[in-house]
Amino acid sequence: MTEEEESRFCPYCGEALTKPYWMHIQKEHPEKYAQKETWIKLYQDYRKIGMDQEVSIKVISELFNSTEEEINSFLKNSNEL
């Protein structure tokens, strides 16, 4: 397991995640999984802790089983990018 894979934790409960990451969010936090608005808060939080834009979007896409393009589009439409 790479260092990148070892550092994936649930942003809601802190549990260490294994691939596919989104399955934990969908099962344990369905209300968050269903809300795209959650992406905005996660993106803001990740940027505040120093994660660059590309990595932030990649992590969110893995957590929510969405494409990076979909995340980018939503964040742009929400005036976050």
Protein backbone atom coordinates (compact mmCIF):
# COMPACT_ATOMS: atom_id res chain seq x y z
CA MET A 1 0.00 0.00 0.00
CA THR A 2 1.40 3.39 -0.96
CA GLU A 3 1.65 6.34 1.41
CA GLU A 4 -1.15 8.06 -0.53
CA GLU A 5 -3.48 5.10 -0.02
CA GLU A 6 -2.59 4.87 3.65
CA SER A 7 -3.60 8.48 4.23
CA ARG A 8 -7.26 8.21 3.15
CA PHE A 9 -9.62 8.78 6.06
CA CYS A 10 -13.33 9.45 6.21
CA PRO A 11 -13.86 13.21 6.52
CA TYR A 12 -16.91 12.59 8.72
CA CYS A 13 -15.88 9.93 11.24
CA GLY A 14 -12.11 9.65 10.74
CA GLU A 15 -12.15 5.94 9.94
CA ALA A 16 -9.28 4.73 7.75
CA LEU A 17 -10.63 3.92 4.29
CA THR A 18 -9.81 1.24 1.77
CA LYS A 19 -10.74 1.24 -1.90
CA PRO A 20 -13.31 1.83 -3.12
CA TYR A 21 -13.39 4.80 -0.73
CA TRP A 22 -16.89 5.92 -1.71
CA MET A 23 -18.51 2.72 -0.41
CA HIS A 24 -17.86 3.75 3.20
CA ILE A 25 -19.35 7.23 2.67
CA GLN A 26 -22.37 5.77 0.88
CA LYS A 27 -23.01 3.15 3.57
CA GLU A 28 -22.12 5.00 6.77
CA HIS A 29 -23.00 8.60 5.83
CA PRO A 30 -25.76 8.35 3.20
CA GLU A 31 -27.10 11.83 3.91
CA LYS A 32 -23.69 13.33 3.09
CA TYR A 33 -23.15 11.06 0.11
CA ALA A 34 -26.40 12.25 -1.48
CA GLN A 35 -25.61 15.97 -1.14
CA LYS A 36 -23.31 17.52 -3.71
CA GLU A 37 -23.13 20.60 -1.49
CA THR A 38 -20.91 18.48 0.75
CA TRP A 39 -18.25 18.75 -1.97
CA ILE A 40 -17.98 22.51 -1.40
CA LYS A 41 -17.27 22.19 2.33
CA LEU A 42 -14.77 19.37 1.78
CA TYR A 43 -13.02 21.33 -0.97
CA GLN A 44 -12.77 24.40 1.27
CA ASP A 45 -11.48 22.32 4.19
CA TYR A 46 -8.90 20.50 2.07
CA ARG A 47 -7.63 23.79 0.61
CA LYS A 48 -7.37 25.32 4.11
CA ILE A 49 -5.12 22.49 5.25
CA GLY A 50 -2.83 23.06 2.28
CA MET A 51 -3.96 20.44 -0.20
CA ASP A 52 -3.62 21.73 -3.76
CA GLN A 53 -6.64 22.07 -6.03
CA GLU A 54 -5.91 19.02 -8.18
CA VAL A 55 -5.38 16.69 -5.22
CA SER A 56 -8.47 18.05 -3.43
CA ILE A 57 -10.65 17.33 -6.45
CA LYS A 58 -9.11 13.87 -6.90
CA VAL A 59 -9.81 12.94 -3.27
CA ILE A 60 -13.40 14.19 -3.45
CA SER A 61 -13.96 12.26 -6.67
CA GLU A 62 -12.68 9.07 -5.02
CA LEU A 63 -14.78 9.61 -1.88
CA PHE A 64 -17.99 10.17 -3.83
CA ASN A 65 -17.47 7.91 -6.85
CA SER A 66 -17.74 10.87 -9.22
CA THR A 67 -15.52 12.03 -12.03
CA GLU A 68 -13.03 14.81 -11.51
CA GLU A 69 -14.77 16.64 -14.35
CA GLU A 70 -18.09 16.47 -12.50
CA ILE A 71 -16.48 17.82 -9.31
CA ASN A 72 -14.73 20.59 -11.28
CA SER A 73 -17.95 21.59 -13.02
CA PHE A 74 -19.95 21.67 -9.79
CA LEU A 75 -17.30 23.72 -7.97
CA LYS A 76 -17.05 26.16 -10.89
CA ASN A 77 -20.83 26.57 -10.99
CA SER A 78 -20.75 27.19 -7.24
CA ASN A 79 -18.06 29.87 -7.68
CA GLU A 80 -15.49 27.88 -5.67
CA LEU A 81 -12.98 27.67 -8.55
